[in-house]
Amino acid sequence: MDWKLVVTTFVVIFLAELGDKTQLAVLSGASSTRKFWEVFIGASLALIASTLIAALLGEQLANHLPERLIKVCSGVAFVAIGLYIIIKS
């Protein structure tokens, strides 16, 4: 196992997720229900499931498409979503 990749991925995702809508939803759920463990387990399972789907999709894309194309498409999608959010607000 490539532990450097594991740690790098953890740090990047952890920093990217700080203060996002998922954390706000978990904060809201935990504070309104006062059931820490239920909210924690539910949110953790949801994040594991969505990450599993993304990792499997990424692996399949890497098997069929050039890395450069995947990066360009990801960047374009990221910018498009950002513009959409700005325009709709």
PDB file of N, CA and C in Angstrom:
ATOM      1  N   MET A   1       0.844  -1.175   0.000  1.00  0.00           N
ATOM      2  CA  MET A   1       0.000   0.000   0.000  1.00  0.00           C
ATOM      3  C   MET A   1       0.890   1.239   0.000  1.00  0.00           C
ATOM      4  N   ASP A   2       0.497   2.223  -0.784  1.00  0.00           N
ATOM      5  CA  ASP A   2       1.241   3.479  -0.893  1.00  0.00           C
ATOM      6  C   ASP A   2       0.724   4.451   0.171  1.00  0.00           C
ATOM      7  N   TRP A   3       1.387   4.448   1.344  1.00  0.00           N
ATOM      8  CA  TRP A   3       0.936   5.266   2.463  1.00  0.00           C
ATOM      9  C   TRP A   3       1.084   6.752   2.190  1.00  0.00           C
ATOM     10  N   LYS A   4       2.059   7.127   1.379  1.00  0.00           N
ATOM     11  CA  LYS A   4       2.208   8.542   1.022  1.00  0.00           C
ATOM     12  C   LYS A   4       0.965   9.011   0.270  1.00  0.00           C
ATOM     13  N   LEU A   5       0.458   8.191  -0.648  1.00  0.00           N
ATOM     14  CA  LEU A   5      -0.757   8.523  -1.386  1.00  0.00           C
ATOM     15  C   LEU A   5      -1.965   8.578  -0.452  1.00  0.00           C
ATOM     16  N   VAL A   6      -2.040   7.658   0.498  1.00  0.00           N
ATOM     17  CA  VAL A   6      -3.139   7.650   1.467  1.00  0.00           C
ATOM     18  C   VAL A   6      -3.143   8.941   2.274  1.00  0.00           C
ATOM     19  N   VAL A   7      -1.991   9.319   2.804  1.00  0.00           N
ATOM     20  CA  VAL A   7      -1.896  10.527   3.625  1.00  0.00           C
ATOM     21  C   VAL A   7      -2.170  11.778   2.790  1.00  0.00           C
ATOM     22  N   THR A   8      -1.608  11.850   1.597  1.00  0.00           N
ATOM     23  CA  THR A   8      -1.829  13.003   0.723  1.00  0.00           C
ATOM     24  C   THR A   8      -3.309  13.139   0.386  1.00  0.00           C
ATOM     25  N   THR A   9      -3.951  12.037   0.044  1.00  0.00           N
ATOM     26  CA  THR A   9      -5.379  12.065  -0.270  1.00  0.00           C
ATOM     27  C   THR A   9      -6.182  12.508   0.942  1.00  0.00           C
ATOM     28  N   PHE A  10      -5.856  11.974   2.113  1.00  0.00           N
ATOM     29  CA  PHE A  10      -6.559  12.366   3.342  1.00  0.00           C
ATOM     30  C   PHE A  10      -6.448  13.866   3.578  1.00  0.00           C
ATOM     31  N   VAL A  11      -5.240  14.404   3.499  1.00  0.00           N
ATOM     32  CA  VAL A  11      -5.021  15.830   3.782  1.00  0.00           C
ATOM     33  C   VAL A  11      -5.773  16.701   2.773  1.00  0.00           C
ATOM     34  N   VAL A  12      -5.677  16.364   1.498  1.00  0.00           N
ATOM     35  CA  VAL A  12      -6.353  17.160   0.465  1.00  0.00           C
ATOM     36  C   VAL A  12      -7.866  17.139   0.659  1.00  0.00           C
ATOM     37  N   ILE A  13      -8.436  15.964   0.862  1.00  0.00           N
ATOM     38  CA  ILE A  13      -9.887  15.855   1.035  1.00  0.00           C
ATOM     39  C   ILE A  13     -10.323  16.506   2.345  1.00  0.00           C
ATOM     40  N   PHE A  14      -9.586  16.294   3.404  1.00  0.00           N
ATOM     41  CA  PHE A  14      -9.937  16.890   4.698  1.00  0.00           C
ATOM     42  C   PHE A  14      -9.981  18.411   4.589  1.00  0.00           C
ATOM     43  N   LEU A  15      -8.962  19.007   3.994  1.00  0.00           N
ATOM     44  CA  LEU A  15      -8.932  20.466   3.859  1.00  0.00           C
ATOM     45  C   LEU A  15     -10.022  20.971   2.914  1.00  0.00           C
ATOM     46  N   ALA A  16     -10.279  20.235   1.839  1.00  0.00           N
ATOM     47  CA  ALA A  16     -11.301  20.650   0.876  1.00  0.00           C
ATOM     48  C   ALA A  16     -12.704  20.592   1.488  1.00  0.00           C
ATOM     49  N   GLU A  17     -12.915  19.672   2.408  1.00  0.00           N
ATOM     50  CA  GLU A  17     -14.246  19.482   2.979  1.00  0.00           C
ATOM     51  C   GLU A  17     -14.532  20.360   4.199  1.00  0.00           C
ATOM     52  N   LEU A  18     -13.522  21.055   4.716  1.00  0.00           N
ATOM     53  CA  LEU A  18     -13.749  21.890   5.898  1.00  0.00           C
ATOM     54  C   LEU A  18     -14.795  22.961   5.594  1.00  0.00           C
ATOM     55  N   GLY A  19     -15.844  23.009   6.400  1.00  0.00           N
ATOM     56  CA  GLY A  19     -16.858  24.039   6.269  1.00  0.00           C
ATOM     57  C   GLY A  19     -17.784  23.877   5.075  1.00  0.00           C
ATOM     58  N   ASP A  20     -17.856  22.701   4.484  1.00  0.00           N
ATOM     59  CA  ASP A  20     -18.738  22.525   3.320  1.00  0.00           C
ATOM     60  C   ASP A  20     -20.168  22.228   3.775  1.00  0.00           C
ATOM     61  N   LYS A  21     -21.063  22.087   2.814  1.00  0.00           N
ATOM     62  CA  LYS A  21     -22.478  21.875   3.130  1.00  0.00           C
ATOM     63  C   LYS A  21     -22.723  20.570   3.868  1.00  0.00           C
ATOM     64  N   THR A  22     -21.881  19.559   3.656  1.00  0.00           N
ATOM     65  CA  THR A  22     -22.046  18.299   4.375  1.00  0.00           C
ATOM     66  C   THR A  22     -21.828  18.516   5.867  1.00  0.00           C
ATOM     67  N   GLN A  23     -20.789  19.251   6.209  1.00  0.00           N
ATOM     68  CA  GLN A  23     -20.541  19.517   7.626  1.00  0.00           C
ATOM     69  C   GLN A  23     -21.671  20.322   8.250  1.00  0.00           C
ATOM     70  N   LEU A  24     -22.203  21.268   7.492  1.00  0.00           N
ATOM     71  CA  LEU A  24     -23.312  22.064   8.012  1.00  0.00           C
ATOM     72  C   LEU A  24     -24.555  21.197   8.215  1.00  0.00           C
ATOM     73  N   ALA A  25     -24.805  20.254   7.299  1.00  0.00           N
ATOM     74  CA  ALA A  25     -25.941  19.341   7.451  1.00  0.00           C
ATOM     75  C   ALA A  25     -25.751  18.445   8.672  1.00  0.00           C
ATOM     76  N   VAL A  26     -24.541  17.956   8.877  1.00  0.00           N
ATOM     77  CA  VAL A  26     -24.256  17.108  10.044  1.00  0.00           C
ATOM     78  C   VAL A  26     -24.405  17.918  11.326  1.00  0.00           C
ATOM     79  N   LEU A  27     -23.888  19.133  11.333  1.00  0.00           N
ATOM     80  CA  LEU A  27     -24.017  20.006  12.501  1.00  0.00           C
ATOM     81  C   LEU A  27     -25.483  20.243  12.825  1.00  0.00           C
ATOM     82  N   SER A  28     -26.263  20.524  11.797  1.00  0.00           N
ATOM     83  CA  SER A  28     -27.695  20.763  11.986  1.00  0.00           C
ATOM     84  C   SER A  28     -28.400  19.513  12.507  1.00  0.00           C
ATOM     85  N   GLY A  29     -28.096  18.371  11.891  1.00  0.00           N
ATOM     86  CA  GLY A  29     -28.730  17.123  12.320  1.00  0.00           C
ATOM     87  C   GLY A  29     -28.381  16.749  13.745  1.00  0.00           C
ATOM     88  N   ALA A  30     -27.117  16.897  14.090  1.00  0.00           N
ATOM     89  CA  ALA A  30     -26.685  16.531  15.443  1.00  0.00           C
ATOM     90  C   ALA A  30     -27.243  17.493  16.488  1.00  0.00           C
ATOM     91  N   SER A  31     -27.315  18.770  16.134  1.00  0.00           N
ATOM     92  CA  SER A  31     -27.809  19.727  17.125  1.00  0.00           C
ATOM     93  C   SER A  31     -29.326  19.654  17.283  1.00  0.00           C
ATOM     94  N   SER A  32     -30.046  19.343  16.211  1.00  0.00           N
ATOM     95  CA  SER A  32     -31.507  19.300  16.321  1.00  0.00           C
ATOM     96  C   SER A  32     -32.007  17.990  16.927  1.00  0.00           C
ATOM     97  N   THR A  33     -31.278  16.899  16.729  1.00  0.00           N
ATOM     98  CA  THR A  33     -31.725  15.609  17.266  1.00  0.00           C
ATOM     99  C   THR A  33     -31.039  15.244  18.572  1.00  0.00           C
ATOM    100  N   ARG A  34     -29.862  15.853  18.805  1.00  0.00           N
ATOM    101  CA  ARG A  34     -29.037  15.521  19.978  1.00  0.00           C
ATOM    102  C   ARG A  34     -28.662  14.031  19.993  1.00  0.00           C
ATOM    103  N   LYS A  35     -28.512  13.461  18.800  1.00  0.00           N
ATOM    104  CA  LYS A  35     -28.127  12.051  18.684  1.00  0.00           C
ATOM    105  C   LYS A  35     -26.839  11.975  17.862  1.00  0.00           C
ATOM    106  N   PHE A  36     -25.744  12.259  18.535  1.00  0.00           N
ATOM    107  CA  PHE A  36     -24.438  12.336  17.899  1.00  0.00           C
ATOM    108  C   PHE A  36     -24.105  11.088  17.099  1.00  0.00           C
ATOM    109  N   TRP A  37     -24.185   9.918  17.739  1.00  0.00           N
ATOM    110  CA  TRP A  37     -23.720   8.688  17.094  1.00  0.00           C
ATOM    111  C   TRP A  37     -24.534   8.331  15.859  1.00  0.00           C
ATOM    112  N   GLU A  38     -25.856   8.497  15.923  1.00  0.00           N
ATOM    113  CA  GLU A  38     -26.696   8.185  14.770  1.00  0.00           C
ATOM    114  C   GLU A  38     -26.358   9.081  13.578  1.00  0.00           C
ATOM    115  N   VAL A  39     -26.211  10.374  13.856  1.00  0.00           N
ATOM    116  CA  VAL A  39     -25.867  11.324  12.791  1.00  0.00           C
ATOM    117  C   VAL A  39     -24.460  11.041  12.273  1.00  0.00           C
ATOM    118  N   PHE A  40     -23.519  10.790  13.166  1.00  0.00           N
ATOM    119  CA  PHE A  40     -22.146  10.496  12.767  1.00  0.00           C
ATOM    120  C   PHE A  40     -22.078   9.248  11.888  1.00  0.00           C
ATOM    121  N   ILE A  41     -22.745   8.179  12.292  1.00  0.00           N
ATOM    122  CA  ILE A  41     -22.725   6.931  11.525  1.00  0.00           C
ATOM    123  C   ILE A  41     -23.393   7.124  10.167  1.00  0.00           C
ATOM    124  N   GLY A  42     -24.550   7.781  10.142  1.00  0.00           N
ATOM    125  CA  GLY A  42     -25.238   8.017   8.875  1.00  0.00           C
ATOM    126  C   GLY A  42     -24.410   8.854   7.918  1.00  0.00           C
ATOM    127  N   ALA A  43     -23.830   9.936   8.413  1.00  0.00           N
ATOM    128  CA  ALA A  43     -23.002  10.801   7.570  1.00  0.00           C
ATOM    129  C   ALA A  43     -21.745  10.072   7.108  1.00  0.00           C
ATOM    130  N   SER A  44     -21.134   9.310   7.989  1.00  0.00           N
ATOM    131  CA  SER A  44     -19.925   8.566   7.619  1.00  0.00           C
ATOM    132  C   SER A  44     -20.210   7.541   6.526  1.00  0.00           C
ATOM    133  N   LEU A  45     -21.310   6.811   6.668  1.00  0.00           N
ATOM    134  CA  LEU A  45     -21.669   5.821   5.650  1.00  0.00           C
ATOM    135  C   LEU A  45     -21.978   6.489   4.303  1.00  0.00           C
ATOM    136  N   ALA A  46     -22.639   7.642   4.340  1.00  0.00           N
ATOM    137  CA  ALA A  46     -22.937   8.368   3.100  1.00  0.00           C
ATOM    138  C   ALA A  46     -21.648   8.818   2.421  1.00  0.00           C
ATOM    139  N   LEU A  47     -20.706   9.334   3.200  1.00  0.00           N
ATOM    140  CA  LEU A  47     -19.430   9.782   2.627  1.00  0.00           C
ATOM    141  C   LEU A  47     -18.613   8.610   2.095  1.00  0.00           C
ATOM    142  N   ILE A  48     -18.658   7.490   2.800  1.00  0.00           N
ATOM    143  CA  ILE A  48     -17.950   6.298   2.321  1.00  0.00           C
ATOM    144  C   ILE A  48     -18.553   5.832   1.000  1.00  0.00           C
ATOM    145  N   ALA A  49     -19.884   5.801   0.914  1.00  0.00           N
ATOM    146  CA  ALA A  49     -20.553   5.347  -0.308  1.00  0.00           C
ATOM    147  C   ALA A  49     -20.241   6.274  -1.485  1.00  0.00           C
ATOM    148  N   SER A  50     -20.322   7.582  -1.267  1.00  0.00           N
ATOM    149  CA  SER A  50     -20.059   8.511  -2.374  1.00  0.00           C
ATOM    150  C   SER A  50     -18.584   8.475  -2.785  1.00  0.00           C
ATOM    151  N   THR A  51     -17.696   8.292  -1.835  1.00  0.00           N
ATOM    152  CA  THR A  51     -16.274   8.188  -2.153  1.00  0.00           C
ATOM    153  C   THR A  51     -15.974   6.895  -2.905  1.00  0.00           C
ATOM    154  N   LEU A  52     -16.615   5.808  -2.503  1.00  0.00           N
ATOM    155  CA  LEU A  52     -16.442   4.532  -3.207  1.00  0.00           C
ATOM    156  C   LEU A  52     -16.879   4.659  -4.664  1.00  0.00           C
ATOM    157  N   ILE A  53     -18.020   5.276  -4.889  1.00  0.00           N
ATOM    158  CA  ILE A  53     -18.512   5.461  -6.252  1.00  0.00           C
ATOM    159  C   ILE A  53     -17.524   6.303  -7.060  1.00  0.00           C
ATOM    160  N   ALA A  54     -17.038   7.398  -6.471  1.00  0.00           N
ATOM    161  CA  ALA A  54     -16.088   8.264  -7.181  1.00  0.00           C
ATOM    162  C   ALA A  54     -14.789   7.533  -7.490  1.00  0.00           C
ATOM    163  N   ALA A  55     -14.276   6.755  -6.539  1.00  0.00           N
ATOM    164  CA  ALA A  55     -13.022   6.032  -6.758  1.00  0.00           C
ATOM    165  C   ALA A  55     -13.188   4.954  -7.834  1.00  0.00           C
ATOM    166  N   LEU A  56     -14.298   4.233  -7.804  1.00  0.00           N
ATOM    167  CA  LEU A  56     -14.549   3.213  -8.826  1.00  0.00           C
ATOM    168  C   LEU A  56     -14.709   3.848 -10.207  1.00  0.00           C
ATOM    169  N   LEU A  57     -15.446   4.950 -10.272  1.00  0.00           N
ATOM    170  CA  LEU A  57     -15.623   5.648 -11.545  1.00  0.00           C
ATOM    171  C   LEU A  57     -14.288   6.187 -12.048  1.00  0.00           C
ATOM    172  N   GLY A  58     -13.500   6.754 -11.142  1.00  0.00           N
ATOM    173  CA  GLY A  58     -12.185   7.264 -11.531  1.00  0.00           C
ATOM    174  C   GLY A  58     -11.280   6.177 -12.067  1.00  0.00           C
ATOM    175  N   GLU A  59     -11.307   5.018 -11.439  1.00  0.00           N
ATOM    176  CA  GLU A  59     -10.487   3.899 -11.910  1.00  0.00           C
ATOM    177  C   GLU A  59     -10.930   3.449 -13.304  1.00  0.00           C
ATOM    178  N   GLN A  60     -12.228   3.374 -13.510  1.00  0.00           N
ATOM    179  CA  GLN A  60     -12.746   2.961 -14.818  1.00  0.00           C
ATOM    180  C   GLN A  60     -12.425   3.993 -15.902  1.00  0.00           C
ATOM    181  N   LEU A  61     -12.568   5.273 -15.563  1.00  0.00           N
ATOM    182  CA  LEU A  61     -12.218   6.324 -16.529  1.00  0.00           C
ATOM    183  C   LEU A  61     -10.739   6.245 -16.889  1.00  0.00           C
ATOM    184  N   ALA A  62      -9.899   6.009 -15.887  1.00  0.00           N
ATOM    185  CA  ALA A  62      -8.456   5.925 -16.134  1.00  0.00           C
ATOM    186  C   ALA A  62      -8.112   4.744 -17.040  1.00  0.00           C
ATOM    187  N   ASN A  63      -8.916   3.705 -17.007  1.00  0.00           N
ATOM    188  CA  ASN A  63      -8.678   2.544 -17.864  1.00  0.00           C
ATOM    189  C   ASN A  63      -9.076   2.790 -19.315  1.00  0.00           C
ATOM    190  N   HIS A  64      -9.923   3.811 -19.558  1.00  0.00           N
ATOM    191  CA  HIS A  64     -10.464   4.015 -20.896  1.00  0.00           C
ATOM    192  C   HIS A  64     -10.138   5.368 -21.523  1.00  0.00           C
ATOM    193  N   LEU A  65      -9.722   6.331 -20.715  1.00  0.00           N
ATOM    194  CA  LEU A  65      -9.467   7.675 -21.231  1.00  0.00           C
ATOM    195  C   LEU A  65      -8.082   8.157 -20.814  1.00  0.00           C
ATOM    196  N   PRO A  66      -7.481   9.050 -21.598  1.00  0.00           N
ATOM    197  CA  PRO A  66      -6.186   9.620 -21.203  1.00  0.00           C
ATOM    198  C   PRO A  66      -6.342  10.506 -19.958  1.00  0.00           C
ATOM    199  N   GLU A  67      -5.327  10.484 -19.115  1.00  0.00           N
ATOM    200  CA  GLU A  67      -5.355  11.251 -17.868  1.00  0.00           C
ATOM    201  C   GLU A  67      -5.593  12.740 -18.135  1.00  0.00           C
ATOM    202  N   ARG A  68      -4.955  13.268 -19.156  1.00  0.00           N
ATOM    203  CA  ARG A  68      -5.113  14.703 -19.483  1.00  0.00           C
ATOM    204  C   ARG A  68      -6.569  15.050 -19.770  1.00  0.00           C
ATOM    205  N   LEU A  69      -7.262  14.205 -20.521  1.00  0.00           N
ATOM    206  CA  LEU A  69      -8.664  14.452 -20.841  1.00  0.00           C
ATOM    207  C   LEU A  69      -9.523  14.443 -19.575  1.00  0.00           C
ATOM    208  N   ILE A  70      -9.251  13.521 -18.679  1.00  0.00           N
ATOM    209  CA  ILE A  70      -9.998  13.451 -17.421  1.00  0.00           C
ATOM    210  C   ILE A  70      -9.784  14.728 -16.612  1.00  0.00           C
ATOM    211  N   LYS A  71      -8.545  15.200 -16.532  1.00  0.00           N
ATOM    212  CA  LYS A  71      -8.249  16.423 -15.774  1.00  0.00           C
ATOM    213  C   LYS A  71      -8.923  17.637 -16.403  1.00  0.00           C
ATOM    214  N   VAL A  72      -8.871  17.751 -17.720  1.00  0.00           N
ATOM    215  CA  VAL A  72      -9.494  18.884 -18.396  1.00  0.00           C
ATOM    216  C   VAL A  72     -11.011  18.866 -18.186  1.00  0.00           C
ATOM    217  N   CYS A  73     -11.625  17.712 -18.363  1.00  0.00           N
ATOM    218  CA  CYS A  73     -13.075  17.596 -18.168  1.00  0.00           C
ATOM    219  C   CYS A  73     -13.465  17.900 -16.716  1.00  0.00           C
ATOM    220  N   SER A  74     -12.673  17.434 -15.770  1.00  0.00           N
ATOM    221  CA  SER A  74     -12.945  17.721 -14.359  1.00  0.00           C
ATOM    222  C   SER A  74     -12.849  19.214 -14.086  1.00  0.00           C
ATOM    223  N   GLY A  75     -11.827  19.858 -14.626  1.00  0.00           N
ATOM    224  CA  GLY A  75     -11.662  21.300 -14.446  1.00  0.00           C
ATOM    225  C   GLY A  75     -12.797  22.084 -15.061  1.00  0.00           C
ATOM    226  N   VAL A  76     -13.190  21.709 -16.273  1.00  0.00           N
ATOM    227  CA  VAL A  76     -14.301  22.391 -16.946  1.00  0.00           C
ATOM    228  C   VAL A  76     -15.596  22.212 -16.144  1.00  0.00           C
ATOM    229  N   ALA A  77     -15.850  21.010 -15.664  1.00  0.00           N
ATOM    230  CA  ALA A  77     -17.054  20.754 -14.871  1.00  0.00           C
ATOM    231  C   ALA A  77     -17.039  21.574 -13.582  1.00  0.00           C
ATOM    232  N   PHE A  78     -15.887  21.651 -12.930  1.00  0.00           N
ATOM    233  CA  PHE A  78     -15.755  22.416 -11.687  1.00  0.00           C
ATOM    234  C   PHE A  78     -16.063  23.889 -11.933  1.00  0.00           C
ATOM    235  N   VAL A  79     -15.482  24.465 -12.999  1.00  0.00           N
ATOM    236  CA  VAL A  79     -15.715  25.872 -13.331  1.00  0.00           C
ATOM    237  C   VAL A  79     -17.177  26.090 -13.713  1.00  0.00           C
ATOM    238  N   ALA A  80     -17.744  25.180 -14.505  1.00  0.00           N
ATOM    239  CA  ALA A  80     -19.143  25.314 -14.932  1.00  0.00           C
ATOM    240  C   ALA A  80     -20.090  25.306 -13.730  1.00  0.00           C
ATOM    241  N   ILE A  81     -19.849  24.411 -12.789  1.00  0.00           N
ATOM    242  CA  ILE A  81     -20.697  24.362 -11.587  1.00  0.00           C
ATOM    243  C   ILE A  81     -20.543  25.653 -10.786  1.00  0.00           C
ATOM    244  N   GLY A  82     -19.321  26.143 -10.652  1.00  0.00           N
ATOM    245  CA  GLY A  82     -19.087  27.396  -9.947  1.00  0.00           C
ATOM    246  C   GLY A  82     -19.809  28.561 -10.607  1.00  0.00           C
ATOM    247  N   LEU A  83     -19.726  28.650 -11.923  1.00  0.00           N
ATOM    248  CA  LEU A  83     -20.425  29.723 -12.654  1.00  0.00           C
ATOM    249  C   LEU A  83     -21.933  29.593 -12.492  1.00  0.00           C
ATOM    250  N   TYR A  84     -22.428  28.375 -12.567  1.00  0.00           N
ATOM    251  CA  TYR A  84     -23.853  28.143 -12.381  1.00  0.00           C
ATOM    252  C   TYR A  84     -24.314  28.633 -11.008  1.00  0.00           C
ATOM    253  N   ILE A  85     -23.552  28.328  -9.976  1.00  0.00           N
ATOM    254  CA  ILE A  85     -23.901  28.748  -8.618  1.00  0.00           C
ATOM    255  C   ILE A  85     -23.871  30.281  -8.518  1.00  0.00           C
ATOM    256  N   ILE A  86     -22.861  30.906  -9.116  1.00  0.00           N
ATOM    257  CA  ILE A  86     -22.769  32.367  -9.075  1.00  0.00           C
ATOM    258  C   ILE A  86     -23.950  33.009  -9.813  1.00  0.00           C
ATOM    259  N   ILE A  87     -24.275  32.485 -10.968  1.00  0.00           N
ATOM    260  CA  ILE A  87     -25.368  33.049 -11.776  1.00  0.00           C
ATOM    261  C   ILE A  87     -26.723  32.866 -11.093  1.00  0.00           C
ATOM    262  N   LYS A  88     -26.947  31.713 -10.471  1.00  0.00           N
ATOM    263  CA  LYS A  88     -28.220  31.422  -9.837  1.00  0.00           C
ATOM    264  C   LYS A  88     -28.408  32.143  -8.502  1.00  0.00           C
ATOM    265  N   SER A  89     -27.316  32.670  -7.892  1.00  0.00           N
ATOM    266  CA  SER A  89     -27.489  33.302  -6.585  1.00  0.00           C
ATOM    267  C   SER A  89     -27.882  34.740  -6.697  1.00  0.00           C
TER     268      SER A  89
END
